[in-house]
Amino acid sequence: MQNHTEHIQICFDCAAACEHCATACLQEEHVMMMRDCIRLCRDCADFCKLCASLTARHSDYMMDFMVLCAEVCDACAEECSKHDHDHCRACAEACRRCADDCRKLSANA
């Protein structure tokens, strides 16, 4: 059984960045302009936490879920990249890293 400790940490780091971004977006002056960002960040955080959990327990579905998690991370990174806030830029970076790692691991399955 392969140890995926680094991947699990990358997933949790992405989830934390997404949660922080969503919370910070709620404090922005034009919060309605941030609603897609908030929604995607919340979805992405949930996907990343589940991906980490499935990976930690070596679920039979973890590799398939990594493909889906990468898609959600890509969408979140794309949305966050549209905004010029530090929290959005940090979130987009964390999402790209998680998506890349998910793709790398699922391709090597």
Protein backbone atom coordinates (compact mmCIF):
# COMPACT_ATOMS: atom_id res chain seq x y z
CA MET A 1 0.00 0.00 0.00
CA GLN A 2 1.47 3.33 -1.10
CA ASN A 3 1.85 6.13 1.42
CA HIS A 4 0.13 9.30 0.21
CA THR A 5 0.95 11.55 3.18
CA GLU A 6 2.09 14.45 0.99
CA HIS A 7 -1.05 14.28 -1.16
CA ILE A 8 -3.27 14.28 1.93
CA GLN A 9 -1.48 17.40 3.21
CA ILE A 10 -1.82 19.12 -0.18
CA CYS A 11 -5.56 18.40 -0.11
CA PHE A 12 -5.94 19.77 3.41
CA ASP A 13 -3.85 22.85 2.55
CA CYS A 14 -6.10 23.51 -0.43
CA ALA A 15 -9.23 23.05 1.67
CA ALA A 16 -7.90 25.54 4.23
CA ALA A 17 -7.03 28.08 1.51
CA CYS A 18 -10.52 27.68 0.03
CA GLU A 19 -12.23 28.12 3.40
CA HIS A 20 -10.12 31.22 4.10
CA CYS A 21 -10.88 32.65 0.66
CA ALA A 22 -14.63 32.09 0.99
CA THR A 23 -14.67 33.73 4.42
CA ALA A 24 -12.57 36.67 3.20
CA CYS A 25 -14.78 37.09 0.13
CA LEU A 26 -17.78 37.48 2.42
CA GLN A 27 -16.06 40.52 3.89
CA GLU A 28 -15.42 42.20 0.55
CA GLU A 29 -17.28 45.43 -0.22
CA HIS A 30 -18.93 44.04 -3.35
CA VAL A 31 -19.82 40.62 -1.98
CA MET A 32 -22.34 39.89 -4.74
CA MET A 33 -19.50 40.02 -7.28
CA MET A 34 -17.76 37.32 -5.21
CA ARG A 35 -20.63 34.84 -5.03
CA ASP A 36 -19.25 32.44 -7.67
CA CYS A 37 -15.88 32.54 -5.95
CA ILE A 38 -17.47 31.83 -2.57
CA ARG A 39 -19.57 28.98 -3.94
CA LEU A 40 -16.65 27.32 -5.75
CA CYS A 41 -14.33 27.75 -2.77
CA ARG A 42 -16.82 26.04 -0.49
CA ASP A 43 -17.34 23.20 -2.96
CA CYS A 44 -13.62 22.82 -3.50
CA ALA A 45 -12.90 22.74 0.24
CA ASP A 46 -15.41 19.92 0.67
CA PHE A 47 -14.02 17.98 -2.29
CA CYS A 48 -10.45 18.33 -1.04
CA LYS A 49 -11.34 17.20 2.48
CA LEU A 50 -13.16 14.16 1.10
CA CYS A 51 -10.29 13.40 -1.26
CA ALA A 52 -7.87 13.49 1.68
CA SER A 53 -10.11 11.19 3.71
CA LEU A 54 -10.57 8.71 0.87
CA THR A 55 -6.83 8.70 0.27
CA ALA A 56 -5.99 8.25 3.94
CA ARG A 57 -8.16 5.15 4.15
CA HIS A 58 -7.00 3.85 0.74
CA SER A 59 -10.56 3.74 -0.55
CA ASP A 60 -11.20 1.76 -3.71
CA TYR A 61 -12.63 5.01 -5.11
CA MET A 62 -9.78 7.36 -4.22
CA MET A 63 -8.16 7.41 -7.66
CA ASP A 64 -11.47 8.03 -9.43
CA PHE A 65 -12.29 10.76 -6.93
CA MET A 66 -8.90 12.43 -7.52
CA VAL A 67 -9.91 13.01 -11.15
CA LEU A 68 -13.10 14.76 -10.03
CA CYS A 69 -11.27 16.70 -7.30
CA ALA A 70 -8.78 17.98 -9.91
CA GLU A 71 -11.69 19.26 -12.03
CA VAL A 72 -13.21 21.14 -9.10
CA CYS A 73 -9.81 22.55 -8.11
CA ASP A 74 -9.27 23.74 -11.70
CA ALA A 75 -12.65 25.48 -11.72
CA CYS A 76 -11.96 27.13 -8.37
CA ALA A 77 -8.49 28.25 -9.46
CA GLU A 78 -9.94 29.75 -12.64
CA GLU A 79 -12.59 31.68 -10.71
CA CYS A 80 -10.21 32.89 -8.01
CA SER A 81 -7.76 34.05 -10.69
CA LYS A 82 -10.38 36.55 -11.88
CA HIS A 83 -10.04 38.52 -8.64
CA ASP A 84 -7.20 40.72 -7.46
CA HIS A 85 -7.38 39.87 -3.76
CA ASP A 86 -4.47 38.24 -1.94
CA HIS A 87 -6.74 35.53 -0.56
CA CYS A 88 -8.00 34.71 -4.06
CA ARG A 89 -4.48 34.52 -5.49
CA ALA A 90 -3.35 32.24 -2.63
CA CYS A 91 -6.41 30.05 -3.11
CA ALA A 92 -5.86 29.76 -6.86
CA GLU A 93 -2.26 28.68 -6.23
CA ALA A 94 -3.30 26.05 -3.68
CA CYS A 95 -6.00 24.77 -6.04
CA ARG A 96 -3.57 24.45 -8.94
CA ARG A 97 -1.13 22.53 -6.76
CA CYS A 98 -3.85 20.17 -5.55
CA ALA A 99 -5.23 19.63 -9.07
CA ASP A 100 -1.75 18.85 -10.39
CA ASP A 101 -1.09 16.39 -7.57
CA CYS A 102 -4.47 14.70 -8.03
CA ARG A 103 -3.83 14.31 -11.76
CA LYS A 104 -0.32 13.00 -11.20
CA LEU A 105 -1.41 10.35 -8.71
CA SER A 106 -4.52 9.25 -10.62
CA ALA A 107 -2.52 8.94 -13.85
CA ASN A 108 -0.02 6.64 -12.13
CA ALA A 109 -2.72 4.32 -10.77
